[in-house]
Amino acid sequence: MNNMGFTLADIAKKGEFGLPQNQKFSIGSGKFNDIALVDQVGKVGATHLEIENKGDYVEITDLGRVHGTYVNNRPVKAGDTVHVESGDEICLGEKAYKYRLMRM
């Protein structure tokens, strides 16, 4: 499958972030991130993870923040890169922020 797009849908707020193919994005509480979160509970790192659309799937890399990253309720080890697909749930900061990966 070529030229596939994905969106990262915010489960609680119903917002979406487009993830164009072959681009890497940073997500975290710092304003400098591609996707900057307003973290009122202190559970998300300044740069918490990176996410990259590979075309048929997406990869996320946990950047070793204290409160962790979860894919489908399974913790991602600090520094690990994991393969995620459409329908998978990605949680940041002890599940303070939940997203669902969806194909566009």
Protein backbone atom coordinates (compact mmCIF):
# COMPACT_ATOMS: atom_id res chain seq x y z
CA MET A 1 0.00 0.00 0.00
CA ASN A 2 1.56 3.28 -1.04
CA ASN A 3 0.93 6.83 0.12
CA MET A 4 -1.12 5.77 3.15
CA GLY A 5 -2.02 8.41 5.68
CA PHE A 6 -2.84 7.95 9.34
CA THR A 7 -4.45 10.13 11.97
CA LEU A 8 -3.84 10.09 15.68
CA ALA A 9 -7.28 10.62 17.24
CA ASP A 10 -7.54 12.05 20.77
CA ILE A 11 -10.07 9.74 22.44
CA ALA A 12 -11.19 12.18 25.17
CA LYS A 13 -11.32 15.42 23.18
CA LYS A 14 -12.27 14.00 19.79
CA GLY A 15 -9.48 15.94 18.03
CA GLU A 16 -7.21 14.50 15.35
CA PHE A 17 -3.63 14.97 14.20
CA GLY A 18 -2.70 14.03 10.64
CA LEU A 19 0.45 11.91 10.21
CA PRO A 20 1.69 12.20 6.61
CA GLN A 21 3.79 9.33 5.26
CA ASN A 22 7.58 9.28 5.80
CA GLN A 23 7.54 12.04 8.39
CA LYS A 24 8.59 11.83 12.03
CA PHE A 25 6.76 13.79 14.72
CA SER A 26 7.56 14.52 18.35
CA ILE A 27 4.85 14.48 21.02
CA GLY A 28 5.19 15.94 24.49
CA SER A 29 4.37 18.78 26.85
CA GLY A 30 7.01 21.14 25.43
CA LYS A 31 5.72 23.84 23.07
CA PHE A 32 8.48 22.96 20.56
CA ASN A 33 6.93 19.54 19.72
CA ASP A 34 5.05 18.84 16.52
CA ILE A 35 2.15 17.76 18.73
CA ALA A 36 2.33 19.81 21.94
CA LEU A 37 0.11 18.62 24.79
CA VAL A 38 -1.22 20.79 27.59
CA ASP A 39 -0.22 18.57 30.52
CA GLN A 40 -2.09 19.78 33.60
CA VAL A 41 -1.31 16.63 35.61
CA GLY A 42 2.48 16.45 35.08
CA LYS A 43 2.48 12.98 33.51
CA VAL A 44 3.93 13.74 30.06
CA GLY A 45 7.59 14.50 29.40
CA ALA A 46 8.75 17.59 27.51
CA THR A 47 9.42 15.31 24.53
CA HIS A 48 7.68 12.05 25.43
CA LEU A 49 7.77 10.03 22.21
CA GLU A 50 8.39 10.13 18.50
CA ILE A 51 5.94 8.76 15.96
CA GLU A 52 6.62 8.02 12.29
CA ASN A 53 4.24 6.96 9.51
CA LYS A 54 5.99 4.22 7.49
CA GLY A 55 3.17 3.84 4.95
CA ASP A 56 1.53 0.53 5.89
CA TYR A 57 2.08 1.01 9.61
CA VAL A 58 3.39 3.49 12.16
CA GLU A 59 6.34 3.25 14.54
CA ILE A 60 6.53 4.93 17.93
CA THR A 61 9.66 5.35 20.02
CA ASP A 62 9.37 5.92 23.76
CA LEU A 63 11.96 8.51 24.80
CA GLY A 64 12.33 7.22 28.35
CA ARG A 65 10.02 9.47 30.32
CA VAL A 66 9.13 8.55 33.90
CA HIS A 67 5.40 7.96 33.39
CA GLY A 68 5.76 5.83 30.29
CA THR A 69 4.04 5.01 27.03
CA TYR A 70 1.54 2.19 26.48
CA VAL A 71 0.27 0.50 23.31
CA ASN A 72 -2.95 -1.45 23.81
CA ASN A 73 -2.39 -1.33 27.59
CA ARG A 74 1.12 -2.83 27.31
CA PRO A 75 4.05 -0.70 28.48
CA VAL A 76 6.71 0.26 25.94
CA LYS A 77 10.23 0.04 27.35
CA ALA A 78 12.22 3.26 27.46
CA GLY A 79 14.07 3.70 24.19
CA ASP A 80 12.16 0.94 22.38
CA THR A 81 10.52 1.42 19.00
CA VAL A 82 7.28 -0.49 18.43
CA HIS A 83 5.10 -1.16 15.40
CA VAL A 84 1.50 0.09 15.67
CA GLU A 85 -1.40 -0.30 13.25
CA SER A 86 -4.78 1.24 12.62
CA GLY A 87 -7.08 0.73 15.62
CA ASP A 88 -4.28 0.48 18.19
CA GLU A 89 -4.53 2.62 21.33
CA ILE A 90 -1.50 4.70 22.34
CA CYS A 91 -1.41 6.14 25.87
CA LEU A 92 1.08 8.61 27.33
CA GLY A 93 1.88 9.38 30.95
CA GLU A 94 0.25 6.58 32.92
CA LYS A 95 -2.68 6.73 30.50
CA ALA A 96 -3.36 10.42 31.15
CA TYR A 97 -3.61 10.98 27.36
CA LYS A 98 -5.19 8.36 25.07
CA TYR A 99 -5.06 8.27 21.28
CA ARG A 100 -6.28 5.82 18.67
CA LEU A 101 -4.34 5.37 15.46
CA MET A 102 -6.63 5.42 12.43
CA ARG A 103 -6.07 5.08 8.69
CA MET A 104 -7.17 8.13 6.69
